[in-house]
Every structure is written in C-alpha cells, then in structure tokens.
Amino acid sequence: MANELFKKVTDATGLPSDLITKELNQIVNNKGIQSDDLTLDELRVVMAEYLREVILQAKFKFEDGIEMEEEISPEELGKE
C-alpha cells in the first residue's frame, strides 16, 4: 500500500520519476521513516519538507541573481 501511494504521488508531480523518487526517498530516510510503512500523514510531512527545500533553493538562486540566456522586454512577453 505504501509503495503504491508513494508511486501515485511521485507520478502526479509530473517531474522525472527517477529524480523525484530519489529526492523524496532521501527525505524519508533522513526522517527515519520506513518507506515500506509510509503513511499518508508521513507522506504529507515528506512532501511539505520537499516543497520547503525547493522554495529555499529557488530563493537562494534568485537572491544570487538569475542569469537569463536572452534578455526579454516585458512588451515581448506573450507575443508569438
């Protein structure tokens, strides 16, 4: 049951399966949770932790400055 739930959630993210599985498993292991016995509540905690990590990484990248390959003016956005 736990593995089915985990797979459904990782598939639902739309992210590459191997990447999201690896990252979520790392959080599960760091929290000392047995992946075979993962409950819905534990999975919620793991997903919340994952989102926090992703948001913090994005924040740090943004603060460091994002390099764009090509500068686009606001007027050009939405034009095809």
C-alpha atoms as a PDB file:
ATOM      1  CA  MET A   1       0.000   0.000   0.000  1.00  0.00           C
ATOM      2  CA  ALA A   2       2.734   2.492   0.978  1.00  0.00           C
ATOM      3  CA  ASN A   3       4.676   1.900  -2.231  1.00  0.00           C
ATOM      4  CA  GLU A   4       1.516   2.342  -4.330  1.00  0.00           C
ATOM      5  CA  LEU A   5       0.727   5.620  -2.571  1.00  0.00           C
ATOM      6  CA  PHE A   6       4.321   6.817  -2.973  1.00  0.00           C
ATOM      7  CA  LYS A   7       4.291   5.948  -6.685  1.00  0.00           C
ATOM      8  CA  LYS A   8       0.957   7.695  -7.263  1.00  0.00           C
ATOM      9  CA  VAL A   9       2.236  10.854  -5.617  1.00  0.00           C
ATOM     10  CA  THR A  10       5.564  10.852  -7.459  1.00  0.00           C
ATOM     11  CA  ASP A  11       3.784  10.252 -10.769  1.00  0.00           C
ATOM     12  CA  ALA A  12       1.313  13.057 -10.025  1.00  0.00           C
ATOM     13  CA  THR A  13       4.110  15.609  -9.629  1.00  0.00           C
ATOM     14  CA  GLY A  14       4.846  15.461 -13.338  1.00  0.00           C
ATOM     15  CA  LEU A  15       8.569  15.559 -12.515  1.00  0.00           C
ATOM     16  CA  PRO A  16      11.020  12.951 -13.800  1.00  0.00           C
ATOM     17  CA  SER A  17      10.236   9.810 -11.809  1.00  0.00           C
ATOM     18  CA  ASP A  18      13.838   8.909 -11.011  1.00  0.00           C
ATOM     19  CA  LEU A  19      14.616  12.434  -9.763  1.00  0.00           C
ATOM     20  CA  ILE A  20      11.572  12.891  -7.529  1.00  0.00           C
ATOM     21  CA  THR A  21      11.795   9.342  -6.173  1.00  0.00           C
ATOM     22  CA  LYS A  22      15.442   9.824  -5.236  1.00  0.00           C
ATOM     23  CA  GLU A  23      14.828  13.189  -3.571  1.00  0.00           C
ATOM     24  CA  LEU A  24      11.743  12.056  -1.652  1.00  0.00           C
ATOM     25  CA  ASN A  25      13.428   8.827  -0.556  1.00  0.00           C
ATOM     26  CA  GLN A  26      16.317  10.894   0.799  1.00  0.00           C
ATOM     27  CA  ILE A  27      13.891  12.934   2.923  1.00  0.00           C
ATOM     28  CA  VAL A  28      12.116   9.766   4.082  1.00  0.00           C
ATOM     29  CA  ASN A  29      15.452   8.256   5.134  1.00  0.00           C
ATOM     30  CA  ASN A  30      16.595  11.476   6.850  1.00  0.00           C
ATOM     31  CA  LYS A  31      13.399  11.478   8.901  1.00  0.00           C
ATOM     32  CA  GLY A  32      13.948   7.842   9.907  1.00  0.00           C
ATOM     33  CA  ILE A  33      10.704   6.683   8.296  1.00  0.00           C
ATOM     34  CA  GLN A  34      10.494   3.164   6.933  1.00  0.00           C
ATOM     35  CA  SER A  35       9.487   3.599   3.292  1.00  0.00           C
ATOM     36  CA  ASP A  36       7.550   0.314   3.274  1.00  0.00           C
ATOM     37  CA  ASP A  37       5.392   1.548   6.173  1.00  0.00           C
ATOM     38  CA  LEU A  38       4.904   5.114   4.923  1.00  0.00           C
ATOM     39  CA  THR A  39       1.537   6.508   5.996  1.00  0.00           C
ATOM     40  CA  LEU A  40      -0.438   9.260   4.329  1.00  0.00           C
ATOM     41  CA  ASP A  41       0.371  11.654   7.186  1.00  0.00           C
ATOM     42  CA  GLU A  42       4.084  10.862   6.929  1.00  0.00           C
ATOM     43  CA  LEU A  43       3.941  11.385   3.176  1.00  0.00           C
ATOM     44  CA  ARG A  44       2.370  14.796   3.761  1.00  0.00           C
ATOM     45  CA  VAL A  45       5.259  15.717   6.057  1.00  0.00           C
ATOM     46  CA  VAL A  46       7.775  14.493   3.476  1.00  0.00           C
ATOM     47  CA  MET A  47       6.100  16.458   0.667  1.00  0.00           C
ATOM     48  CA  ALA A  48       5.980  19.606   2.815  1.00  0.00           C
ATOM     49  CA  GLU A  49       9.701  19.227   3.539  1.00  0.00           C
ATOM     50  CA  TYR A  50      10.407  18.730  -0.164  1.00  0.00           C
ATOM     51  CA  LEU A  51       8.465  21.870  -1.079  1.00  0.00           C
ATOM     52  CA  ARG A  52      10.309  23.863   1.590  1.00  0.00           C
ATOM     53  CA  GLU A  53      13.638  22.709   0.178  1.00  0.00           C
ATOM     54  CA  VAL A  54      12.657  23.561  -3.398  1.00  0.00           C
ATOM     55  CA  ILE A  55      11.370  27.001  -2.397  1.00  0.00           C
ATOM     56  CA  LEU A  56      14.522  27.760  -0.390  1.00  0.00           C
ATOM     57  CA  GLN A  57      16.762  26.678  -3.255  1.00  0.00           C
ATOM     58  CA  ALA A  58      14.803  28.888  -5.645  1.00  0.00           C
ATOM     59  CA  LYS A  59      15.007  31.792  -3.185  1.00  0.00           C
ATOM     60  CA  PHE A  60      18.781  31.470  -2.882  1.00  0.00           C
ATOM     61  CA  LYS A  61      19.203  31.271  -6.657  1.00  0.00           C
ATOM     62  CA  PHE A  62      17.009  34.337  -7.077  1.00  0.00           C
ATOM     63  CA  GLU A  63      18.975  36.248  -4.450  1.00  0.00           C
ATOM     64  CA  ASP A  64      22.239  35.292  -6.162  1.00  0.00           C
ATOM     65  CA  GLY A  65      20.866  36.615  -9.426  1.00  0.00           C
ATOM     66  CA  ILE A  66      19.338  34.635 -12.192  1.00  0.00           C
ATOM     67  CA  GLU A  67      21.208  34.635 -15.454  1.00  0.00           C
ATOM     68  CA  MET A  68      18.975  34.700 -18.476  1.00  0.00           C
ATOM     69  CA  GLU A  69      20.183  33.334 -21.759  1.00  0.00           C
ATOM     70  CA  GLU A  70      18.471  36.151 -23.591  1.00  0.00           C
ATOM     71  CA  GLU A  71      17.002  39.310 -22.184  1.00  0.00           C
ATOM     72  CA  ILE A  72      13.334  39.815 -22.998  1.00  0.00           C
ATOM     73  CA  SER A  73      11.476  43.054 -22.540  1.00  0.00           C
ATOM     74  CA  PRO A  74       8.051  42.963 -20.876  1.00  0.00           C
ATOM     75  CA  GLU A  75       6.447  44.078 -24.143  1.00  0.00           C
ATOM     76  CA  GLU A  76       7.768  40.963 -25.876  1.00  0.00           C
ATOM     77  CA  LEU A  77       6.223  38.573 -23.387  1.00  0.00           C
ATOM     78  CA  GLY A  78       3.129  36.955 -24.811  1.00  0.00           C
ATOM     79  CA  LYS A  79       3.999  37.818 -28.424  1.00  0.00           C
ATOM     80  CA  GLU A  80       4.415  34.972 -30.811  1.00  0.00           C
END
